Amino acid sequence: LTSGNRVFPSSIEVEPHQITYRKRRWLGSTEETINRDHISSVRGNHGMMFSSMVIESSGGSQPIQITGLWKGDARKLEDEVKASQAPTLNAG
């Protein structure tokens, strides 16, 4: 139904300091990591049910391109990336 890979699904982790995208294949995997401070933009292309996303870096690495996401999952990912970029407040 989509261009996403159903045999070797990709995964993405949004951590407080970085985003890691793993794309699996027959022998091994490819991993791309972008530091949170180097995220320059997040673009989503949302259809009726599925979405694709591009996370661009200002740090010189290639953008992370993700296809075949459920629309709701893509929206959550966008929110998580934006939340990870929000400045933290120091109580004091």
C-alpha atoms as a PDB file:
ATOM      1  CA  LEU A   1       0.000   0.000   0.000  1.00  0.00           C
ATOM      2  CA  THR A   2       2.904   2.361   0.639  1.00  0.00           C
ATOM      3  CA  SER A   3       6.553   2.668  -0.274  1.00  0.00           C
ATOM      4  CA  GLY A   4       7.623   1.664   3.266  1.00  0.00           C
ATOM      5  CA  ASN A   5       9.457  -1.650   3.705  1.00  0.00           C
ATOM      6  CA  ARG A   6       7.248  -4.283   5.364  1.00  0.00           C
ATOM      7  CA  VAL A   7       9.875  -7.070   5.362  1.00  0.00           C
ATOM      8  CA  PHE A   8      12.555  -5.034   7.152  1.00  0.00           C
ATOM      9  CA  PRO A   9      10.713  -2.170   8.850  1.00  0.00           C
ATOM     10  CA  SER A  10      12.696   0.917   9.757  1.00  0.00           C
ATOM     11  CA  SER A  11      12.686   2.404  13.228  1.00  0.00           C
ATOM     12  CA  ILE A  12      13.180   5.889  14.591  1.00  0.00           C
ATOM     13  CA  GLU A  13      14.020   6.938  18.134  1.00  0.00           C
ATOM     14  CA  VAL A  14      13.546  10.484  19.408  1.00  0.00           C
ATOM     15  CA  GLU A  15      15.777  10.970  22.416  1.00  0.00           C
ATOM     16  CA  PRO A  16      16.347  14.183  24.368  1.00  0.00           C
ATOM     17  CA  HIS A  17      19.695  14.854  22.650  1.00  0.00           C
ATOM     18  CA  GLN A  18      19.366  13.148  19.231  1.00  0.00           C
ATOM     19  CA  ILE A  19      17.206  11.382  16.652  1.00  0.00           C
ATOM     20  CA  THR A  20      18.334   7.970  15.398  1.00  0.00           C
ATOM     21  CA  TYR A  21      16.893   6.364  12.255  1.00  0.00           C
ATOM     22  CA  ARG A  22      17.658   2.683  11.535  1.00  0.00           C
ATOM     23  CA  LYS A  23      16.920   1.169   8.154  1.00  0.00           C
ATOM     24  CA  ARG A  24      17.243  -2.616   8.135  1.00  0.00           C
ATOM     25  CA  ARG A  25      18.255  -4.767   5.173  1.00  0.00           C
ATOM     26  CA  TRP A  26      19.235  -8.389   4.494  1.00  0.00           C
ATOM     27  CA  LEU A  27      22.759  -8.029   5.871  1.00  0.00           C
ATOM     28  CA  GLY A  28      22.949  -5.417   8.595  1.00  0.00           C
ATOM     29  CA  SER A  29      21.404  -1.996   8.754  1.00  0.00           C
ATOM     30  CA  THR A  30      22.030   1.654   8.015  1.00  0.00           C
ATOM     31  CA  GLU A  31      21.858   4.125  10.876  1.00  0.00           C
ATOM     32  CA  GLU A  32      21.591   7.902  10.697  1.00  0.00           C
ATOM     33  CA  THR A  33      21.773  10.129  13.754  1.00  0.00           C
ATOM     34  CA  ILE A  34      21.064  13.847  13.955  1.00  0.00           C
ATOM     35  CA  ASN A  35      21.890  15.823  17.067  1.00  0.00           C
ATOM     36  CA  ARG A  36      18.837  17.679  18.373  1.00  0.00           C
ATOM     37  CA  ASP A  37      20.670  21.003  18.119  1.00  0.00           C
ATOM     38  CA  HIS A  38      21.334  20.388  14.404  1.00  0.00           C
ATOM     39  CA  ILE A  39      17.736  19.775  13.318  1.00  0.00           C
ATOM     40  CA  SER A  40      16.898  22.582  10.942  1.00  0.00           C
ATOM     41  CA  SER A  41      13.428  21.501   9.801  1.00  0.00           C
ATOM     42  CA  VAL A  42      10.800  18.782   9.918  1.00  0.00           C
ATOM     43  CA  ARG A  43       8.493  18.421   6.932  1.00  0.00           C
ATOM     44  CA  GLY A  44       5.499  16.137   6.716  1.00  0.00           C
ATOM     45  CA  ASN A  45       3.507  15.152   3.651  1.00  0.00           C
ATOM     46  CA  HIS A  46       0.189  13.779   4.904  1.00  0.00           C
ATOM     47  CA  GLY A  47      -2.248  11.827   2.769  1.00  0.00           C
ATOM     48  CA  MET A  48      -5.574  10.360   3.788  1.00  0.00           C
ATOM     49  CA  MET A  49      -4.024   7.450   5.726  1.00  0.00           C
ATOM     50  CA  PHE A  50      -0.246   7.527   5.217  1.00  0.00           C
ATOM     51  CA  SER A  51       2.469  10.116   5.567  1.00  0.00           C
ATOM     52  CA  SER A  52       6.085  10.689   4.689  1.00  0.00           C
ATOM     53  CA  MET A  53       8.511  12.896   6.575  1.00  0.00           C
ATOM     54  CA  VAL A  54      11.859  14.590   6.025  1.00  0.00           C
ATOM     55  CA  ILE A  55      14.026  15.691   8.952  1.00  0.00           C
ATOM     56  CA  GLU A  56      16.773  18.031   7.772  1.00  0.00           C
ATOM     57  CA  SER A  57      20.025  18.783   9.516  1.00  0.00           C
ATOM     58  CA  SER A  58      22.088  21.953   9.594  1.00  0.00           C
ATOM     59  CA  GLY A  59      25.134  19.878  10.587  1.00  0.00           C
ATOM     60  CA  GLY A  60      26.049  18.682   7.096  1.00  0.00           C
ATOM     61  CA  SER A  61      24.523  15.186   7.217  1.00  0.00           C
ATOM     62  CA  GLN A  62      21.956  13.893   4.756  1.00  0.00           C
ATOM     63  CA  PRO A  63      18.299  14.457   5.652  1.00  0.00           C
ATOM     64  CA  ILE A  64      16.391  11.550   7.178  1.00  0.00           C
ATOM     65  CA  GLN A  65      13.570  10.533   4.819  1.00  0.00           C
ATOM     66  CA  ILE A  66      10.824   8.306   6.191  1.00  0.00           C
ATOM     67  CA  THR A  67       7.979   6.909   4.093  1.00  0.00           C
ATOM     68  CA  GLY A  68       4.986   4.681   4.786  1.00  0.00           C
ATOM     69  CA  LEU A  69       4.088   6.082   8.219  1.00  0.00           C
ATOM     70  CA  TRP A  70       0.550   5.937   9.462  1.00  0.00           C
ATOM     71  CA  LYS A  71      -0.751   9.490   9.532  1.00  0.00           C
ATOM     72  CA  GLY A  72      -1.245   9.454  13.332  1.00  0.00           C
ATOM     73  CA  ASP A  73       2.272   8.102  13.905  1.00  0.00           C
ATOM     74  CA  ALA A  74       3.715  10.832  11.683  1.00  0.00           C
ATOM     75  CA  ARG A  75       1.912  13.525  13.663  1.00  0.00           C
ATOM     76  CA  LYS A  76       3.236  12.047  16.934  1.00  0.00           C
ATOM     77  CA  LEU A  77       6.753  11.980  15.496  1.00  0.00           C
ATOM     78  CA  GLU A  78       6.475  15.631  14.466  1.00  0.00           C
ATOM     79  CA  ASP A  79       5.292  16.552  17.960  1.00  0.00           C
ATOM     80  CA  GLU A  80       8.123  14.574  19.611  1.00  0.00           C
ATOM     81  CA  VAL A  81      10.778  16.200  17.430  1.00  0.00           C
ATOM     82  CA  LYS A  82       9.396  19.662  18.113  1.00  0.00           C
ATOM     83  CA  ALA A  83       9.177  18.922  21.851  1.00  0.00           C
ATOM     84  CA  SER A  84      12.788  17.694  21.861  1.00  0.00           C
ATOM     85  CA  GLN A  85      13.839  21.042  20.409  1.00  0.00           C
ATOM     86  CA  ALA A  86      12.005  23.084  23.034  1.00  0.00           C
ATOM     87  CA  PRO A  87      14.387  24.739  25.481  1.00  0.00           C
ATOM     88  CA  THR A  88      14.456  23.197  28.932  1.00  0.00           C
ATOM     89  CA  LEU A  89      13.752  25.473  31.862  1.00  0.00           C
ATOM     90  CA  ASN A  90      16.078  25.364  34.833  1.00  0.00           C
ATOM     91  CA  ALA A  91      14.345  25.698  38.174  1.00  0.00           C
ATOM     92  CA  GLY A  92      16.297  27.975  40.341  1.00  0.00           C
END
